[in-house]
Amino acid sequence: MGVITTAKVITGSERANRPVTLQPGNREWVTVIESIASNGWSLPPMVIFEGKVHISTWYTDQLPLDWTIGVSENGWTTDSLGLTWLTDVFEKHTKDRTKGVYRLLVLDGHGSHSTPEFDLFCKEHSIITLCMHHTRRTYYSP
């Protein structure tokens, strides 16, 4: 996903060098939640647009059917959308690929990954989470 002049462009890896222009106009925030397994297999993304209602005619017949679409007031992820990603993307697309009892989910430490609902779902579905928090270090010279 990217911006070329004033057009939104969404493209998948299978469409390399052939992006589809979806909507000319002003730029706005769009969040894409992407995941990749340790063996290189990737889950379908969740795309979060700025808005109050999801209008599928924004991109009729342009997006793969397995992509999940969400909306938020500012185009950023929320606690609710984080849980939707966990249940509708991660759980749905990894439960049949599990080897053993548990799945490991490495997260970036965003607040939407640390809600009680997110934690409970992971516990009930044998998903172990590992949060990678980014900390800023300040070094002082003597």
Protein backbone atom coordinates (compact mmCIF):
# COMPACT_ATOMS: atom_id res chain seq x y z
CA MET A 1 0.00 0.00 0.00
CA GLY A 2 1.31 3.43 -0.76
CA VAL A 3 0.57 6.79 -2.20
CA ILE A 4 1.41 7.86 -5.73
CA THR A 5 0.66 11.56 -6.16
CA THR A 6 -2.95 11.90 -4.97
CA ALA A 7 -4.17 8.32 -5.57
CA LYS A 8 -4.52 5.46 -3.10
CA VAL A 9 -2.77 2.37 -4.32
CA ILE A 10 -3.32 -1.06 -2.82
CA THR A 11 -1.43 -4.00 -4.18
CA GLY A 12 -0.48 -7.48 -3.07
CA SER A 13 2.77 -9.33 -3.68
CA GLU A 14 1.13 -11.29 -6.50
CA ARG A 15 0.48 -7.98 -8.30
CA ALA A 16 4.06 -6.70 -8.19
CA ASN A 17 4.57 -3.83 -10.63
CA ARG A 18 0.82 -3.80 -11.39
CA PRO A 19 -0.83 -1.70 -8.64
CA VAL A 20 -4.51 -0.86 -8.85
CA THR A 21 -5.50 2.78 -8.37
CA LEU A 22 -8.58 2.83 -6.20
CA GLN A 23 -9.59 6.39 -5.46
CA PRO A 24 -8.06 9.66 -6.47
CA GLY A 25 -8.31 12.41 -3.88
CA ASN A 26 -6.78 13.67 -0.66
CA ARG A 27 -4.39 11.59 1.38
CA GLU A 28 -5.63 10.03 4.60
CA TRP A 29 -4.42 7.58 7.22
CA VAL A 30 -4.78 3.91 6.39
CA THR A 31 -3.41 1.20 8.65
CA VAL A 32 -2.48 -2.27 7.42
CA ILE A 33 -1.97 -5.07 9.93
CA GLU A 34 0.29 -7.67 8.36
CA SER A 35 1.61 -10.98 9.67
CA ILE A 36 4.14 -13.49 8.48
CA ALA A 37 4.93 -16.94 9.84
CA SER A 38 8.46 -18.09 10.60
CA ASN A 39 8.40 -20.28 7.50
CA GLY A 40 7.62 -17.31 5.22
CA TRP A 41 3.89 -17.91 4.79
CA SER A 42 1.88 -14.70 5.21
CA LEU A 43 -1.63 -14.16 6.52
CA PRO A 44 -4.08 -12.01 4.57
CA PRO A 45 -3.86 -8.41 5.78
CA MET A 46 -6.39 -6.32 7.66
CA VAL A 47 -6.77 -2.86 6.12
CA ILE A 48 -8.21 -0.10 8.32
CA PHE A 49 -9.62 2.95 6.56
CA GLU A 50 -10.58 6.27 8.07
CA GLY A 51 -14.37 6.38 8.31
CA LYS A 52 -17.45 5.44 10.28
CA VAL A 53 -18.97 2.87 7.92
CA HIS A 54 -17.33 0.32 5.64
CA ILE A 55 -18.48 0.96 2.08
CA SER A 56 -17.44 -1.98 -0.09
CA THR A 57 -18.09 -0.06 -3.33
CA TRP A 58 -14.90 1.94 -2.60
CA TYR A 59 -13.02 -0.88 -4.33
CA THR A 60 -15.53 -3.22 -5.99
CA ASP A 61 -13.86 -6.40 -7.26
CA GLN A 62 -10.40 -4.97 -6.60
CA LEU A 63 -9.33 -6.59 -3.31
CA PRO A 64 -8.77 -10.28 -2.62
CA LEU A 65 -11.73 -11.89 -0.84
CA ASP A 66 -9.63 -13.03 2.14
CA TRP A 67 -8.59 -9.48 3.13
CA THR A 68 -10.31 -8.08 6.23
CA ILE A 69 -11.49 -4.46 6.10
CA GLY A 70 -12.07 -2.24 9.13
CA VAL A 71 -12.82 1.42 9.75
CA SER A 72 -11.97 3.81 12.56
CA GLU A 73 -12.36 7.55 13.04
CA ASN A 74 -8.73 8.26 12.21
CA GLY A 75 -7.69 5.18 10.18
CA TRP A 76 -5.66 3.75 13.06
CA THR A 77 -6.20 0.47 14.84
CA THR A 78 -8.32 0.34 18.00
CA ASP A 79 -8.73 -2.23 20.79
CA SER A 80 -11.86 -3.55 19.05
CA LEU A 81 -10.13 -3.82 15.65
CA GLY A 82 -7.13 -5.52 17.27
CA LEU A 83 -9.47 -8.18 18.66
CA THR A 84 -11.19 -8.49 15.28
CA TRP A 85 -7.79 -9.09 13.66
CA LEU A 86 -6.98 -11.76 16.28
CA THR A 87 -10.27 -13.63 15.79
CA ASP A 88 -11.01 -13.08 12.09
CA VAL A 89 -7.48 -13.17 10.69
CA PHE A 90 -4.96 -14.82 13.00
CA GLU A 91 -7.21 -17.50 14.50
CA LYS A 92 -9.04 -18.21 11.26
CA HIS A 93 -5.91 -18.58 9.13
CA THR A 94 -3.54 -20.29 11.58
CA LYS A 95 -5.68 -22.77 13.54
CA ASP A 96 -5.42 -25.48 10.86
CA ARG A 97 -1.66 -24.87 10.38
CA THR A 98 -0.76 -25.41 14.04
CA LYS A 99 1.91 -28.00 14.76
CA GLY A 100 1.54 -29.05 18.36
CA VAL A 101 -0.75 -27.50 20.92
CA TYR A 102 0.36 -23.86 21.01
CA ARG A 103 0.88 -21.02 18.57
CA LEU A 104 3.34 -18.19 19.22
CA LEU A 105 2.20 -14.70 18.29
CA VAL A 106 4.94 -12.05 18.35
CA LEU A 107 3.47 -8.57 18.76
CA ASP A 108 4.83 -5.04 18.54
CA GLY A 109 3.53 -3.91 21.93
CA HIS A 110 0.65 -1.74 20.66
CA GLY A 111 -2.00 -1.16 23.32
CA SER A 112 -4.67 -3.02 21.31
CA HIS A 113 -2.70 -6.23 21.97
CA SER A 114 -2.88 -5.96 25.73
CA THR A 115 -6.59 -5.78 26.49
CA PRO A 116 -8.30 -8.30 28.79
CA GLU A 117 -10.41 -9.54 25.83
CA PHE A 118 -7.30 -10.09 23.68
CA ASP A 119 -5.53 -11.93 26.51
CA LEU A 120 -8.56 -14.11 27.29
CA PHE A 121 -9.02 -15.11 23.64
CA CYS A 122 -5.35 -16.07 23.41
CA LYS A 123 -5.55 -18.13 26.60
CA GLU A 124 -8.71 -19.94 25.45
CA HIS A 125 -7.15 -20.74 22.04
CA SER A 126 -3.64 -21.78 23.17
CA ILE A 127 -1.95 -18.71 21.69
CA ILE A 128 1.19 -17.58 23.50
CA THR A 129 1.94 -13.90 23.01
CA LEU A 130 5.38 -12.31 23.06
CA CYS A 131 5.30 -8.50 23.08
CA MET A 132 8.34 -6.74 21.70
CA HIS A 133 8.34 -3.31 23.34
CA HIS A 134 10.48 -0.62 21.81
CA THR A 135 12.25 1.46 24.40
CA ARG A 136 14.22 4.58 23.77
CA ARG A 137 17.61 4.59 25.39
CA THR A 138 19.48 7.73 26.17
CA TYR A 139 23.21 7.50 26.51
CA TYR A 140 25.12 10.13 28.41
CA SER A 141 28.76 10.76 27.78
CA PRO A 142 30.89 11.46 30.85
